[in-house]
Every structure is written in C-alpha cells, then in structure tokens.
Amino acid sequence: MGLGELGARVRLIDSDGDELGVAHLPRPVVPGDLAALEQGFPLRVVGVIELEVAGATALLAEVEAAPICLAG
C-alpha cells in the first residue's frame, strides 16, 4: 500500500470557486467529511471532483464553513 492510498492532498475551494488552500485528508474523500486549514473554522466537504493529472490523481473539493459550538 502506497502513501497515496492512505491519504490525499486536496485543494479546497468555496462555492464561489475561490481557492482556500490545501488539506491532507484520509481516503476516500466524500461529501460530509471535515477538513481543516491552519487557521479558521473547520470546513465540511460538499462535493468532490477527482482529476487525472500527468498520470497522478488529484482531488478538488468544494467546502463550506462548519463552525462548531463548544459547551463550557
């Protein structure tokens, strides 16, 4: 099993098509998964596009903010 089968480097975009950054997520990446960048709210995957680029698989995921509430 190769490292590419364990996790995916996923480019995250919002609903306007703006790039938010890159996250590393466990495979398979599916709608409903949570992603996080170094700063900001957690993000929820709402759609995934798998692309074949130069013989390698690349993932593009549309995400939306998934704020969490912490009870104290």
N, C-alpha and C. Protein backbone atom coordinates (compact mmCIF):
# COMPACT_ATOMS: atom_id res chain seq x y z
N MET A 1 0.85 -1.17 0.00
CA MET A 1 0.00 0.00 0.00
C MET A 1 0.90 1.24 0.00
N GLY A 2 0.68 2.14 -0.95
CA GLY A 2 1.46 3.37 -1.04
C GLY A 2 0.84 4.48 -0.21
N LEU A 3 1.64 5.52 0.02
CA LEU A 3 1.14 6.65 0.80
C LEU A 3 -0.06 7.31 0.15
N GLY A 4 -0.12 7.32 -1.18
CA GLY A 4 -1.24 7.92 -1.89
C GLY A 4 -2.55 7.21 -1.65
N GLU A 5 -2.48 5.94 -1.24
CA GLU A 5 -3.69 5.20 -0.94
C GLU A 5 -4.20 5.49 0.47
N LEU A 6 -3.33 5.99 1.34
CA LEU A 6 -3.71 6.29 2.72
C LEU A 6 -4.36 7.66 2.85
N GLY A 7 -3.84 8.63 2.13
CA GLY A 7 -4.35 9.98 2.25
C GLY A 7 -4.26 10.71 0.92
N ALA A 8 -4.95 11.83 0.86
CA ALA A 8 -5.00 12.61 -0.37
C ALA A 8 -4.68 14.07 -0.07
N ARG A 9 -3.93 14.67 -0.97
CA ARG A 9 -3.70 16.12 -0.92
C ARG A 9 -4.87 16.73 -1.69
N VAL A 10 -5.69 17.52 -1.01
CA VAL A 10 -6.94 18.01 -1.59
C VAL A 10 -6.93 19.53 -1.65
N ARG A 11 -7.16 20.07 -2.83
CA ARG A 11 -7.28 21.52 -3.00
C ARG A 11 -8.71 21.90 -2.64
N LEU A 12 -8.87 22.83 -1.70
CA LEU A 12 -10.19 23.23 -1.21
C LEU A 12 -10.63 24.53 -1.87
N ILE A 13 -11.88 24.55 -2.33
CA ILE A 13 -12.46 25.75 -2.91
C ILE A 13 -13.80 26.02 -2.26
N ASP A 14 -14.24 27.28 -2.29
CA ASP A 14 -15.56 27.60 -1.76
C ASP A 14 -16.58 27.61 -2.90
N SER A 15 -17.83 27.91 -2.59
CA SER A 15 -18.90 27.85 -3.59
C SER A 15 -18.74 28.90 -4.69
N ASP A 16 -17.91 29.93 -4.46
CA ASP A 16 -17.65 30.94 -5.48
C ASP A 16 -16.49 30.55 -6.38
N GLY A 17 -15.82 29.42 -6.07
CA GLY A 17 -14.67 28.98 -6.86
C GLY A 17 -13.36 29.54 -6.37
N ASP A 18 -13.39 30.26 -5.24
CA ASP A 18 -12.14 30.81 -4.69
C ASP A 18 -11.37 29.72 -3.96
N GLU A 19 -10.06 29.68 -4.20
CA GLU A 19 -9.22 28.68 -3.57
C GLU A 19 -8.95 29.06 -2.11
N LEU A 20 -9.15 28.12 -1.21
CA LEU A 20 -8.94 28.36 0.22
C LEU A 20 -7.61 27.82 0.72
N GLY A 21 -7.11 26.79 0.06
CA GLY A 21 -5.86 26.18 0.47
C GLY A 21 -5.86 24.69 0.19
N VAL A 22 -4.86 24.02 0.74
CA VAL A 22 -4.69 22.58 0.53
C VAL A 22 -4.74 21.88 1.88
N ALA A 23 -5.46 20.77 1.94
CA ALA A 23 -5.54 19.97 3.15
C ALA A 23 -5.18 18.52 2.80
N HIS A 24 -4.70 17.80 3.77
CA HIS A 24 -4.42 16.38 3.61
C HIS A 24 -5.52 15.62 4.35
N LEU A 25 -6.26 14.79 3.60
CA LEU A 25 -7.41 14.09 4.15
C LEU A 25 -7.26 12.59 3.91
N PRO A 26 -7.82 11.79 4.82
CA PRO A 26 -7.80 10.34 4.58
C PRO A 26 -8.72 9.98 3.42
N ARG A 27 -8.34 8.95 2.68
CA ARG A 27 -9.16 8.45 1.56
C ARG A 27 -10.20 7.49 2.09
N PRO A 28 -11.32 7.36 1.47
CA PRO A 28 -11.82 8.18 0.37
C PRO A 28 -12.36 9.50 0.89
N VAL A 29 -12.23 10.55 0.10
CA VAL A 29 -12.77 11.86 0.45
C VAL A 29 -14.18 11.93 -0.11
N VAL A 30 -15.16 12.15 0.76
CA VAL A 30 -16.57 12.15 0.35
C VAL A 30 -17.29 13.34 0.98
N PRO A 31 -18.41 13.77 0.38
CA PRO A 31 -19.19 14.84 0.99
C PRO A 31 -19.56 14.48 2.43
N GLY A 32 -19.46 15.49 3.30
CA GLY A 32 -19.72 15.29 4.73
C GLY A 32 -18.45 15.21 5.55
N ASP A 33 -17.31 14.91 4.89
CA ASP A 33 -16.03 14.87 5.61
C ASP A 33 -15.68 16.26 6.11
N LEU A 34 -14.91 16.31 7.18
CA LEU A 34 -14.42 17.58 7.71
C LEU A 34 -12.98 17.78 7.29
N ALA A 35 -12.63 19.02 6.99
CA ALA A 35 -11.27 19.39 6.63
C ALA A 35 -10.88 20.60 7.47
N ALA A 36 -9.59 20.81 7.63
CA ALA A 36 -9.12 21.97 8.40
C ALA A 36 -7.87 22.54 7.75
N LEU A 37 -7.78 23.85 7.80
CA LEU A 37 -6.57 24.55 7.40
C LEU A 37 -5.89 25.05 8.66
N GLU A 38 -4.75 25.67 8.54
CA GLU A 38 -4.02 26.12 9.72
C GLU A 38 -4.81 27.13 10.53
N GLN A 39 -5.62 27.96 9.88
CA GLN A 39 -6.40 28.97 10.57
C GLN A 39 -7.83 28.93 10.08
N GLY A 40 -8.75 29.35 10.94
CA GLY A 40 -10.14 29.46 10.54
C GLY A 40 -10.99 28.31 11.04
N PHE A 41 -12.27 28.38 10.69
CA PHE A 41 -13.24 27.36 11.08
C PHE A 41 -12.94 26.04 10.40
N PRO A 42 -13.41 24.94 10.99
CA PRO A 42 -13.38 23.67 10.25
C PRO A 42 -14.26 23.82 9.01
N LEU A 43 -13.98 23.01 8.02
CA LEU A 43 -14.72 23.06 6.76
C LEU A 43 -15.36 21.71 6.49
N ARG A 44 -16.56 21.73 5.92
CA ARG A 44 -17.26 20.49 5.57
C ARG A 44 -17.24 20.34 4.05
N VAL A 45 -16.85 19.17 3.59
CA VAL A 45 -16.82 18.87 2.15
C VAL A 45 -18.25 18.71 1.66
N VAL A 46 -18.59 19.45 0.59
CA VAL A 46 -19.92 19.33 0.00
C VAL A 46 -19.88 18.68 -1.39
N GLY A 47 -18.71 18.62 -1.99
CA GLY A 47 -18.56 17.98 -3.30
C GLY A 47 -17.11 17.67 -3.58
N VAL A 48 -16.87 16.61 -4.35
CA VAL A 48 -15.50 16.19 -4.66
C VAL A 48 -15.39 15.92 -6.16
N ILE A 49 -14.31 16.41 -6.76
CA ILE A 49 -14.00 16.13 -8.15
C ILE A 49 -12.63 15.47 -8.17
N GLU A 50 -12.55 14.30 -8.81
CA GLU A 50 -11.29 13.59 -8.94
C GLU A 50 -10.75 13.83 -10.34
N LEU A 51 -9.51 14.32 -10.42
CA LEU A 51 -8.91 14.66 -11.70
C LEU A 51 -7.68 13.77 -11.94
N GLU A 52 -7.43 13.45 -13.19
CA GLU A 52 -6.22 12.72 -13.56
C GLU A 52 -5.26 13.75 -14.15
N VAL A 53 -4.13 13.97 -13.46
CA VAL A 53 -3.16 14.98 -13.89
C VAL A 53 -1.80 14.31 -14.03
N ALA A 54 -1.29 14.25 -15.26
CA ALA A 54 0.03 13.67 -15.54
C ALA A 54 0.18 12.29 -14.91
N GLY A 55 -0.84 11.47 -15.02
CA GLY A 55 -0.78 10.12 -14.51
C GLY A 55 -1.02 9.98 -13.02
N ALA A 56 -1.24 11.09 -12.32
CA ALA A 56 -1.50 11.05 -10.88
C ALA A 56 -2.92 11.56 -10.63
N THR A 57 -3.51 11.10 -9.56
CA THR A 57 -4.87 11.53 -9.21
C THR A 57 -4.80 12.76 -8.32
N ALA A 58 -5.58 13.78 -8.67
CA ALA A 58 -5.67 14.99 -7.87
C ALA A 58 -7.12 15.17 -7.45
N LEU A 59 -7.34 15.68 -6.25
CA LEU A 59 -8.69 15.89 -5.75
C LEU A 59 -8.96 17.37 -5.54
N LEU A 60 -10.14 17.79 -5.93
CA LEU A 60 -10.62 19.14 -5.73
C LEU A 60 -11.91 19.00 -4.95
N ALA A 61 -12.03 19.71 -3.83
CA ALA A 61 -13.23 19.60 -3.00
C ALA A 61 -13.85 20.96 -2.76
N GLU A 62 -15.15 21.05 -3.00
CA GLU A 62 -15.89 22.25 -2.61
C GLU A 62 -16.24 22.10 -1.14
N VAL A 63 -16.00 23.16 -0.37
CA VAL A 63 -16.25 23.11 1.07
C VAL A 63 -17.07 24.31 1.52
N GLU A 64 -17.66 24.17 2.69
CA GLU A 64 -18.37 25.28 3.34
C GLU A 64 -17.94 25.32 4.80
N ALA A 65 -18.11 26.46 5.42
CA ALA A 65 -17.74 26.59 6.83
C ALA A 65 -18.59 25.63 7.65
N ALA A 66 -17.95 24.99 8.62
CA ALA A 66 -18.65 24.07 9.52
C ALA A 66 -18.30 24.47 10.94
N PRO A 67 -18.79 25.66 11.40
CA PRO A 67 -18.45 26.11 12.75
C PRO A 67 -18.94 25.12 13.79
N ILE A 68 -18.17 24.99 14.84
CA ILE A 68 -18.54 24.08 15.91
C ILE A 68 -18.84 24.88 17.16
N CYS A 69 -19.71 24.37 17.98
CA CYS A 69 -20.06 25.01 19.24
C CYS A 69 -19.42 24.21 20.35
N LEU A 70 -18.76 24.90 21.24
CA LEU A 70 -18.13 24.26 22.38
C LEU A 70 -18.92 24.62 23.63
N ALA A 71 -19.44 23.62 24.30
CA ALA A 71 -20.18 23.86 25.55
C ALA A 71 -19.18 23.91 26.70
N GLY A 72 -19.35 24.85 27.57
CA GLY A 72 -18.39 25.03 28.64
C GLY A 72 -18.82 24.58 29.94
